[in-house]
Protein backbone atom coordinates (compact mmCIF):
# COMPACT_ATOMS: atom_id res chain seq x y z
CA MET A 1 -13.66 -65.14 28.11
CA THR A 2 -13.61 -65.06 31.86
CA SER A 3 -10.41 -66.36 33.76
CA THR A 4 -10.24 -67.89 37.28
CA GLN A 5 -6.76 -67.25 37.82
CA THR A 6 -6.16 -64.64 40.77
CA PRO A 7 -4.58 -61.37 39.62
CA PRO A 8 -0.77 -60.87 40.70
CA ALA A 9 -0.14 -58.51 43.37
CA ALA A 10 1.08 -55.85 40.70
CA VAL A 11 -2.60 -55.24 39.98
CA ARG A 12 -4.50 -56.76 42.64
CA ASP A 13 -6.33 -53.90 44.72
CA ASP A 14 -6.17 -55.58 48.21
CA THR A 15 -6.95 -52.19 49.97
CA PRO A 16 -10.08 -52.25 51.47
CA PRO A 17 -12.64 -49.33 49.94
CA SER A 18 -12.78 -47.39 53.32
CA ALA A 19 -8.94 -47.29 53.22
CA ARG A 20 -8.52 -45.85 49.99
CA THR A 21 -7.13 -42.55 49.60
CA GLY A 22 -9.79 -41.47 47.10
CA LEU A 23 -8.14 -39.55 44.64
CA SER A 24 -10.58 -37.94 42.31
CA THR A 25 -10.01 -37.06 38.32
CA ARG A 26 -9.21 -33.74 39.60
CA HIS A 27 -6.69 -34.78 41.72
CA ILE A 28 -4.87 -37.12 39.35
CA LEU A 29 -4.94 -34.48 36.56
CA PHE A 30 -3.12 -32.38 38.86
CA VAL A 31 -0.45 -34.73 39.79
CA ILE A 32 0.24 -35.81 36.13
CA VAL A 33 -0.05 -32.39 34.91
CA ALA A 34 2.75 -31.26 37.42
CA ALA A 35 4.94 -33.92 35.87
CA ALA A 36 4.57 -32.29 32.61
CA ALA A 37 5.97 -28.94 34.30
CA PRO A 38 4.42 -26.33 31.93
CA LEU A 39 6.32 -23.61 33.00
CA SER A 40 9.51 -25.56 32.87
CA ALA A 41 8.43 -26.49 29.30
CA MET A 42 7.78 -22.93 28.16
CA VAL A 43 11.04 -21.58 29.75
CA GLY A 44 13.43 -24.47 28.71
CA THR A 45 11.98 -26.10 25.89
CA VAL A 46 10.14 -23.52 23.83
CA PRO A 47 13.17 -21.36 23.01
CA LEU A 48 15.00 -24.32 21.76
CA ALA A 49 12.31 -25.30 19.37
CA PHE A 50 12.05 -21.35 18.12
CA ALA A 51 15.63 -21.43 17.87
CA SER A 52 16.48 -25.09 16.23
CA GLY A 53 12.78 -25.90 14.75
CA ASN A 54 10.43 -24.13 12.58
CA GLY A 55 10.36 -20.86 14.37
CA ALA A 56 6.91 -19.17 14.41
CA GLY A 57 5.58 -22.75 13.34
CA VAL A 58 6.05 -23.96 16.98
CA PRO A 59 2.51 -23.42 18.07
CA ALA A 60 1.27 -25.74 15.03
CA ALA A 61 3.89 -28.32 16.12
CA PHE A 62 2.56 -28.59 19.65
CA THR A 63 -1.11 -29.01 18.14
CA VAL A 64 0.00 -31.95 16.04
CA ALA A 65 1.91 -33.43 18.77
CA GLY A 66 -0.85 -32.91 20.94
CA LEU A 67 -3.51 -34.55 18.59
CA ILE A 68 -1.05 -37.74 18.18
CA LEU A 69 -1.08 -37.84 22.19
CA LEU A 70 -4.69 -37.65 22.29
CA CYS A 71 -4.96 -40.79 19.68
CA PHE A 72 -2.54 -42.36 22.04
CA SER A 73 -4.65 -41.57 25.26
CA THR A 74 -7.98 -42.34 23.32
CA GLY A 75 -6.57 -45.97 22.66
CA TYR A 76 -4.73 -46.08 26.06
CA THR A 77 -8.07 -45.78 27.79
CA VAL A 78 -8.95 -49.26 26.46
CA SER A 79 -6.14 -50.51 28.51
CA THR A 80 -6.61 -48.63 31.55
CA ARG A 81 -10.44 -49.51 31.69
CA ARG A 82 -9.47 -53.16 31.49
CA THR A 83 -6.27 -53.00 34.21
CA GLY A 84 -8.41 -50.49 36.39
CA GLY A 85 -5.67 -48.05 35.96
CA ASN A 86 -3.10 -50.26 37.92
CA GLY A 87 0.38 -51.01 36.58
CA GLY A 88 0.91 -48.24 33.89
CA PHE A 89 2.70 -49.55 30.72
CA TYR A 90 3.56 -52.69 32.52
CA ALA A 91 -0.01 -54.09 32.91
CA SER A 92 -0.91 -52.49 29.39
CA VAL A 93 1.72 -54.56 27.40
CA ALA A 94 1.04 -57.60 29.42
CA ASP A 95 -2.57 -56.99 28.53
CA GLY A 96 -1.88 -56.91 25.01
CA LEU A 97 1.34 -58.40 23.85
CA GLY A 98 1.99 -60.60 26.91
CA ARG A 99 3.80 -61.56 29.95
CA ALA A 100 7.43 -61.56 28.46
CA PRO A 101 7.28 -58.35 26.80
CA ALA A 102 5.72 -56.73 29.44
CA VAL A 103 8.56 -57.84 31.83
CA GLY A 104 11.15 -55.94 29.41
CA VAL A 105 8.70 -52.80 29.33
CA GLY A 106 8.75 -52.80 33.33
CA TYR A 107 12.73 -52.83 33.50
CA VAL A 108 12.71 -49.94 30.98
CA ALA A 109 9.94 -48.23 32.49
CA LEU A 110 12.13 -48.29 36.00
CA ILE A 111 15.38 -46.79 34.09
CA ALA A 112 13.39 -44.44 32.26
CA TYR A 113 11.46 -42.91 35.07
CA ASN A 114 14.56 -42.98 37.55
CA CYS A 115 16.41 -40.93 34.75
CA ALA A 116 13.79 -38.59 34.21
CA THR A 117 13.46 -38.10 38.05
CA ILE A 118 17.34 -37.78 38.66
CA GLY A 119 17.18 -35.24 35.86
CA ILE A 120 14.55 -32.99 37.37
CA ALA A 121 16.27 -33.24 40.77
CA GLY A 122 19.60 -31.83 38.96
CA ALA A 123 17.81 -29.16 37.09
CA LEU A 124 15.72 -27.97 40.16
CA GLY A 125 19.12 -27.66 42.16
CA TYR A 126 20.84 -25.85 39.09
CA PHE A 127 18.02 -23.09 38.42
CA THR A 128 17.21 -22.68 41.86
CA HIS A 129 21.01 -22.02 42.45
CA LEU A 130 20.85 -19.44 39.81
CA VAL A 131 17.63 -17.90 40.60
CA LEU A 132 18.80 -17.35 44.30
CA ALA A 133 22.12 -16.10 42.92
CA ALA A 134 20.30 -13.22 41.10
CA HIS A 135 18.87 -12.07 44.32
CA GLY A 136 22.27 -12.07 46.18
CA ILE A 137 21.91 -15.33 47.94
CA ASN A 138 24.73 -17.89 46.97
CA VAL A 139 23.85 -21.48 47.58
CA SER A 140 25.31 -24.84 46.28
CA TRP A 141 23.13 -26.37 43.35
CA ALA A 142 23.74 -29.46 45.14
CA LEU A 143 22.31 -28.12 48.40
CA CYS A 144 19.28 -26.92 46.46
CA ALA A 145 18.63 -30.16 44.75
CA ALA A 146 19.27 -32.06 48.29
CA VAL A 147 16.52 -30.01 49.83
CA GLY A 148 14.15 -30.82 46.88
CA ILE A 149 14.57 -34.57 47.18
CA ALA A 150 14.19 -34.48 51.22
CA LEU A 151 11.19 -32.76 50.51
CA THR A 152 9.50 -35.06 48.05
CA SER A 153 11.03 -38.24 50.19
CA VAL A 154 8.70 -37.10 53.10
CA LEU A 155 5.77 -36.50 50.98
CA GLY A 156 6.45 -39.61 48.87
CA TYR A 157 6.47 -41.64 51.88
CA ARG A 158 3.09 -40.23 52.93
CA ASP A 159 -0.41 -40.76 51.37
CA ILE A 160 -0.55 -39.52 47.54
CA GLY A 161 -3.47 -37.19 48.70
CA VAL A 162 -1.01 -34.73 50.72
CA SER A 163 1.08 -34.56 47.47
CA ALA A 164 -1.93 -33.95 45.23
CA ARG A 165 -3.33 -31.24 47.17
CA LEU A 166 0.09 -29.55 47.16
CA LEU A 167 0.65 -30.05 43.54
CA ALA A 168 -2.90 -28.34 43.06
CA LEU A 169 -1.71 -25.49 44.75
CA LEU A 170 1.61 -25.50 42.82
CA MET A 171 0.02 -25.77 39.16
CA ALA A 172 -2.81 -23.16 39.95
CA CYS A 173 0.07 -21.02 40.63
CA GLU A 174 2.27 -21.76 37.89
CA ILE A 175 -0.20 -21.77 35.20
CA GLY A 176 -1.87 -18.87 36.68
CA VAL A 177 1.31 -16.81 36.39
CA LEU A 178 1.71 -17.60 32.67
CA LEU A 179 -1.96 -16.95 32.06
CA VAL A 180 -1.53 -13.10 33.39
CA LEU A 181 1.68 -13.03 31.18
CA ASP A 182 -0.66 -14.30 28.25
CA ILE A 183 -3.58 -11.84 28.89
CA ALA A 184 -0.93 -8.79 29.15
CA VAL A 185 0.50 -9.89 25.61
CA LEU A 186 -3.22 -9.98 24.23
CA GLY A 187 -3.99 -6.60 25.91
CA ARG A 188 -1.39 -4.94 24.48
CA HIS A 189 -1.42 -6.21 20.84
CA GLY A 190 -5.26 -7.52 20.49
CA THR A 191 -5.72 -9.85 18.06
CA HIS A 192 -2.58 -9.31 16.57
CA ALA A 193 -0.95 -11.16 19.37
CA LEU A 194 -1.91 -14.27 17.47
CA PRO A 195 -0.54 -13.93 13.91
CA ALA A 196 -1.69 -16.32 11.22
CA ALA A 197 1.75 -17.25 10.17
CA SER A 198 2.26 -19.52 13.14
CA PHE A 199 -0.45 -21.79 11.17
CA SER A 200 0.38 -21.22 7.49
CA ALA A 201 1.66 -23.89 5.47
CA SER A 202 4.80 -22.04 4.88
CA GLU A 203 5.86 -21.68 8.59
CA VAL A 204 4.52 -24.92 9.81
CA THR A 205 6.11 -27.41 7.29
CA GLY A 206 9.71 -24.95 6.82
CA PRO A 207 12.93 -26.35 8.02
CA GLY A 208 13.04 -28.09 11.54
CA LEU A 209 9.45 -29.07 11.86
CA GLY A 210 10.85 -32.37 12.86
CA VAL A 211 13.06 -30.95 15.52
CA SER A 212 9.95 -28.71 16.80
CA LEU A 213 7.81 -31.65 17.03
CA MET A 214 10.64 -33.51 18.94
CA PHE A 215 10.52 -30.65 21.77
CA ALA A 216 6.98 -30.72 21.66
CA PHE A 217 6.53 -34.33 22.29
CA VAL A 218 9.43 -34.09 24.87
CA SER A 219 7.28 -30.96 27.01
CA PHE A 220 4.29 -33.81 27.30
CA ILE A 221 6.35 -36.31 29.14
CA GLY A 222 4.31 -37.31 32.62
CA PHE A 223 0.65 -37.07 31.65
CA GLU A 224 0.82 -40.74 30.66
CA SER A 225 1.66 -41.39 34.51
CA ALA A 226 -2.11 -41.57 35.31
CA ALA A 227 -2.52 -45.19 34.89
CA LEU A 228 -0.30 -45.76 37.71
CA TYR A 229 -2.72 -44.23 40.48
CA GLY A 230 -5.62 -46.95 40.21
CA ASN A 231 -5.40 -48.20 43.51
CA GLU A 232 -5.52 -44.98 44.77
CA ALA A 233 -8.36 -43.59 42.89
CA ARG A 234 -12.23 -43.70 44.18
CA ASN A 235 -13.14 -45.03 40.64
CA PRO A 236 -10.26 -46.08 38.82
CA ARG A 237 -12.08 -46.89 35.51
CA ARG A 238 -13.69 -43.87 35.31
CA SER A 239 -11.28 -41.31 36.88
CA VAL A 240 -7.91 -42.30 35.30
CA PRO A 241 -8.98 -42.54 31.39
CA ARG A 242 -10.89 -38.74 32.02
CA ALA A 243 -7.94 -37.23 33.93
CA MET A 244 -5.45 -38.80 30.97
CA LEU A 245 -7.61 -37.34 28.11
CA GLY A 246 -8.30 -34.15 30.15
CA ALA A 247 -4.43 -33.62 30.61
CA VAL A 248 -3.89 -33.99 27.10
CA VAL A 249 -6.22 -31.48 25.84
CA LEU A 250 -5.59 -29.00 28.78
CA ILE A 251 -1.80 -29.43 28.27
CA THR A 252 -2.12 -29.18 24.16
CA GLY A 253 -4.20 -25.97 24.71
CA PHE A 254 -1.66 -24.44 27.12
CA TYR A 255 1.15 -25.00 25.21
CA ALA A 256 0.14 -23.98 21.49
CA LEU A 257 -1.82 -20.89 22.99
CA THR A 258 1.20 -19.48 25.27
CA SER A 259 3.92 -20.08 22.51
CA TRP A 260 1.52 -18.30 19.56
CA LEU A 261 1.23 -15.50 21.89
CA ALA A 262 4.99 -15.43 22.48
CA VAL A 263 5.45 -15.63 18.74
CA GLY A 264 3.14 -12.45 18.52
CA ALA A 265 4.85 -10.49 21.30
CA ILE A 266 8.13 -11.13 19.68
CA GLY A 267 7.09 -10.91 16.19
CA SER A 268 6.65 -13.83 13.80
CA GLY A 269 9.92 -12.89 11.59
CA THR A 270 12.13 -12.23 14.37
CA VAL A 271 11.17 -15.15 17.09
CA ARG A 272 14.04 -17.53 15.83
CA THR A 273 16.51 -14.82 15.94
CA ALA A 274 15.47 -13.56 19.25
CA ALA A 275 15.19 -17.00 20.66
CA SER A 276 18.84 -17.96 19.40
CA GLU A 277 20.15 -15.07 21.49
CA GLN A 278 17.92 -15.27 24.47
CA MET A 279 17.37 -18.84 24.88
CA GLY A 280 16.52 -19.46 28.69
CA ASN A 281 15.90 -15.82 29.34
CA LEU A 282 13.24 -15.39 26.80
CA PHE A 283 10.48 -15.70 28.77
CA PHE A 284 11.77 -14.05 31.72
CA ASN A 285 12.40 -10.97 29.42
CA LEU A 286 8.74 -11.24 28.29
CA GLY A 287 7.91 -11.33 31.87
CA ASP A 288 9.85 -8.06 32.62
CA ASP A 289 8.26 -6.36 29.26
CA TYR A 290 4.77 -7.24 29.72
CA LEU A 291 4.45 -7.56 33.94
CA GLY A 292 7.29 -5.53 35.13
CA SER A 293 10.41 -6.56 37.19
CA ALA A 294 7.95 -8.06 39.90
CA GLY A 295 6.37 -10.39 37.05
CA GLY A 296 9.89 -11.71 36.01
CA THR A 297 10.90 -12.50 39.26
CA CYS A 298 7.72 -14.23 39.86
CA LEU A 299 8.32 -16.25 36.84
CA GLN A 300 11.61 -17.08 37.86
CA VAL A 301 10.29 -18.42 41.53
CA MET A 302 7.58 -20.21 39.64
CA LEU A 303 10.08 -22.06 37.43
CA CYS A 304 11.39 -23.37 40.70
CA THR A 305 8.28 -24.42 42.16
CA SER A 306 7.52 -26.01 38.70
CA MET A 307 10.56 -28.20 38.98
CA PHE A 308 9.73 -29.28 42.28
CA ALA A 309 6.43 -30.16 41.36
CA ALA A 310 7.82 -32.10 38.53
CA LEU A 311 10.33 -33.96 40.92
CA LEU A 312 7.24 -34.70 43.41
CA ALA A 313 5.07 -36.10 40.36
CA LEU A 314 7.87 -38.11 38.80
CA HIS A 315 9.13 -39.30 42.13
CA SER A 316 5.24 -40.47 42.87
CA ALA A 317 5.22 -42.32 39.31
CA THR A 318 8.73 -44.11 39.80
CA ASN A 319 7.56 -45.39 42.92
CA ARG A 320 4.85 -46.92 41.55
CA TYR A 321 6.49 -48.54 39.02
CA THR A 322 8.97 -49.93 41.58
CA GLN A 323 6.19 -51.10 43.59
CA VAL A 324 4.31 -52.56 40.67
CA ILE A 325 7.36 -54.78 39.42
CA ALA A 326 8.77 -55.76 42.84
CA ALA A 327 5.34 -57.08 43.89
CA ASP A 328 5.51 -59.40 40.69
CA GLY A 329 8.99 -60.75 42.08
CA LEU A 330 10.81 -58.77 39.31
CA LEU A 331 12.77 -56.70 42.17
CA PRO A 332 12.76 -57.66 45.70
CA ARG A 333 9.53 -58.15 47.25
CA ASP A 334 10.11 -55.90 49.82
CA LEU A 335 9.96 -53.04 47.76
CA GLY A 336 6.19 -53.93 46.91
CA ALA A 337 5.03 -53.12 50.26
CA LEU A 338 2.29 -50.66 51.01
CA HIS A 339 2.36 -48.62 54.09
CA THR A 340 -0.45 -49.85 56.31
CA ARG A 341 -1.39 -46.30 57.17
CA HIS A 342 -0.88 -44.41 54.25
CA HIS A 343 -1.17 -47.00 51.90
CA SER A 344 1.86 -45.74 49.93
CA PRO A 345 5.02 -47.43 48.25
CA HIS A 346 6.86 -46.33 51.23
CA ARG A 347 9.80 -48.32 50.63
CA ALA A 348 9.89 -47.92 47.07
CA SER A 349 10.04 -44.11 47.78
CA VAL A 350 12.87 -44.12 50.32
CA VAL A 351 14.86 -46.41 48.05
CA GLN A 352 14.11 -44.02 45.09
CA SER A 353 15.22 -40.90 47.03
CA VAL A 354 18.39 -42.42 48.09
CA VAL A 355 19.22 -43.21 44.12
CA ASN A 356 18.50 -39.73 43.34
CA ALA A 357 20.91 -38.53 46.34
CA LEU A 358 23.73 -40.68 45.11
CA ALA A 359 23.30 -39.69 41.56
CA VAL A 360 23.59 -35.94 42.86
CA THR A 361 26.43 -36.77 44.99
CA LEU A 362 28.20 -38.66 42.23
CA ALA A 363 27.64 -35.42 39.87
CA LEU A 364 29.25 -33.34 42.40
CA VAL A 365 31.96 -35.19 43.12
CA ALA A 366 32.87 -35.66 39.52
CA GLY A 367 32.66 -32.01 38.99
CA LEU A 368 30.07 -32.39 36.25
CA ASP A 369 28.00 -29.19 34.87
CA PRO A 370 24.97 -29.70 36.72
CA TYR A 371 22.93 -28.98 34.02
CA ALA A 372 24.76 -29.65 30.79
CA ASP A 373 26.43 -33.13 31.88
CA PHE A 374 24.05 -34.20 34.41
CA ALA A 375 20.47 -32.95 34.26
CA ALA A 376 19.98 -32.63 30.51
CA VAL A 377 21.74 -35.96 29.65
CA THR A 378 19.53 -37.71 32.26
CA LEU A 379 16.37 -36.19 31.38
CA GLY A 380 17.05 -36.74 27.59
CA LEU A 381 17.60 -40.51 28.40
CA GLY A 382 14.63 -40.53 30.49
CA THR A 383 12.30 -38.87 27.83
CA LEU A 384 13.28 -41.19 25.34
CA GLY A 385 12.64 -44.21 27.30
CA ILE A 386 8.98 -42.82 28.01
CA VAL A 387 8.21 -42.14 24.66
CA VAL A 388 9.38 -45.62 23.62
CA LEU A 389 6.86 -46.97 26.30
CA GLN A 390 4.25 -45.00 24.78
CA ALA A 391 4.59 -46.65 21.40
CA LEU A 392 4.73 -50.16 22.95
CA ALA A 393 1.49 -49.29 24.91
CA ALA A 394 -0.41 -47.92 21.51
CA LEU A 395 1.02 -51.24 19.98
CA SER A 396 -0.44 -52.95 22.96
CA VAL A 397 -4.06 -52.02 22.29
CA LEU A 398 -3.73 -53.18 18.60
CA GLY A 399 -2.76 -56.50 20.10
CA LEU A 400 -5.87 -56.86 22.30
CA ARG A 401 -7.56 -57.72 18.91
CA ARG A 402 -6.13 -60.84 18.41
CA LYS A 403 -7.38 -61.53 21.60
CA GLY A 404 -10.79 -61.03 20.18
CA VAL A 405 -11.53 -57.63 22.55
CA ALA A 406 -13.37 -55.20 20.41
CA HIS A 407 -13.92 -51.63 21.29
CA GLY A 408 -14.96 -49.93 18.32
CA THR A 409 -12.70 -48.90 14.95
CA TRP A 410 -11.70 -45.84 15.99
CA ARG A 411 -10.39 -46.67 20.03
CA GLY A 412 -9.36 -50.10 19.51
CA LEU A 413 -7.66 -49.56 15.89
CA VAL A 414 -7.27 -46.28 14.12
CA ALA A 415 -6.43 -44.11 17.35
CA PRO A 416 -3.82 -47.05 18.44
CA LEU A 417 -2.50 -47.01 15.00
CA LEU A 418 -2.22 -43.41 14.36
CA ALA A 419 -0.58 -43.20 17.73
CA VAL A 420 2.16 -45.96 16.81
CA VAL A 421 3.12 -44.19 13.66
CA GLY A 422 3.13 -40.64 15.22
CA LEU A 423 5.25 -41.86 18.51
CA GLY A 424 7.62 -44.08 16.33
CA ALA A 425 8.44 -41.23 14.29
CA SER A 426 8.97 -39.08 17.67
CA VAL A 427 11.45 -42.18 18.92
CA TRP A 428 13.15 -41.60 15.68
CA LEU A 429 13.38 -37.95 15.59
CA ILE A 430 14.80 -37.98 19.50
CA VAL A 431 17.37 -40.66 18.63
CA TYR A 432 18.57 -38.84 15.49
CA ASN A 433 18.78 -35.79 17.43
CA PHE A 434 19.96 -36.68 20.77
CA ASP A 435 22.72 -34.15 20.77
CA LEU A 436 19.96 -31.65 20.46
CA VAL A 437 18.07 -32.91 23.29
CA THR A 438 21.04 -33.50 25.73
CA GLY A 439 22.99 -30.69 24.34
CA SER A 440 26.03 -33.26 24.34
CA ARG A 441 28.00 -34.20 21.48
CA SER A 442 29.82 -37.02 23.40
CA ALA A 443 30.27 -40.30 21.88
CA PHE A 444 29.32 -41.98 24.86
CA VAL A 445 26.16 -39.86 25.61
CA GLY A 446 25.32 -40.53 21.72
CA ASP A 447 25.37 -44.39 22.41
CA LEU A 448 23.06 -44.08 25.77
CA PRO A 449 19.86 -44.77 23.60
CA TRP A 450 21.09 -48.30 23.06
CA LEU A 451 20.48 -49.19 26.80
CA PHE A 452 16.85 -49.61 26.36
CA PRO A 453 16.71 -52.34 23.75
CA VAL A 454 19.46 -54.16 25.69
CA VAL A 455 17.50 -53.95 28.76
CA PHE A 456 14.33 -54.70 26.96
CA ALA A 457 16.06 -57.75 25.39
CA GLY A 458 17.30 -58.89 28.93
CA GLY A 459 13.67 -58.57 30.37
CA LEU A 460 12.70 -60.95 27.73
CA VAL A 461 14.97 -63.29 28.21
CA TYR A 462 14.62 -63.33 32.38
CA ALA A 463 10.93 -63.75 31.66
CA ARG A 464 11.48 -66.80 29.62
CA ARG A 465 13.57 -68.42 31.76
CA THR A 466 12.17 -67.77 34.99
CA GLY A 467 8.12 -67.44 34.18
CA ARG A 468 8.09 -64.26 36.27
CA GLY A 469 5.96 -61.27 35.23
CA LEU A 470 2.27 -60.49 34.96
CA ALA A 471 0.51 -62.89 33.17
CA SER A 472 -1.44 -61.84 29.67
CA ASN A 473 -4.74 -63.56 30.64
CA THR A 474 -4.88 -61.67 34.01
CA PHE A 475 -7.44 -59.14 32.34
CA ASP A 476 -9.32 -61.40 30.45
CA ARG A 477 -12.90 -60.70 30.79
């Protein structure tokens, strides 16, 4: 079916081909892998999964999560090819489920990505403060966070190509230092560094599997943002799907291998106890042991740059959601403007930087613990929202079938159906274990997940009353 309707500003690319920033598949890949922050996941999330999850079976949990997200990505590429990789979850849900659900999703995405970005800003400030203090430099966590926010503000205002090149460098360093650690473990232990116990039925299905799967899904957050860079890609219908699928394969392999080698280095029978005792220092101690004190220091520095890379990548994703829904009249339309020279959502970038700065200031004035009370809670809430969005996006691919859009049994039905089931289970696991994700047993924090259904319902009502939002027939071909 062909539609004569003019696409809304949210997904219409009015930029002349000669003015495009021209992101390649490789550039988009670096941006979205940076959002997942592999080193931060290894240092901050894997020890929690070892201690609270299924211990030595964590590498298998990463593999299972990666396979589910590969199913999600396979189905999601159906939407990204139809939308041209513009508008992310907002456009995907409009295409498969209709205008009103898309408006609800747009507002949920705005909150979820802002929360994730704010949380990363707080975590950057906290860990940079600790690393500097360990080397005799005493600087407030809020000042460290402010420097990170200021740098992302400058880079977010400019052409995305500048950020992509910087992220490529940071990713090479971040992944490189962990690969050196992996090689050192393999060099010392040989094949014993890859214990079969990690993939044995008894370990994988042991107590805590659900918790490990939850932390595994949390560690992938950010890869799905590839579908926001369509207007800035050279060939969006090819680059965006390739970058997303490549990111899932790369991140899954990296997480599974590095966590597996950590089990081999520590011992499958003692990894749970060691992680419980050492927590965030687990990988730093491994660095000291296998790479010397210089290696441990390098891991500490790379953790800070990993946090900054994640902040920049999530800042860019948040800006583009703000720009997309503003261009459709769901926020002040001025926020939907693109810079005449950089072709970036510069106004959305400035606003998002101000939001980050205000959040850090409020946390400082309120005397909140920068990690336990601030970063962990906002990151946990943002993560939950993004997994909910992934589940809805997978459901929207199934919704295309009622429009007569056929993309094969695997891509159009089986893969998205498996993704809906797997991601739905992940949403339940995160909500059920929200105290573990956030590290808080506060009743107020425990009720925060209700924010998303309330916002989604509000978006539905607003869309139906005003008629605003992305039309569901925009992408009909």
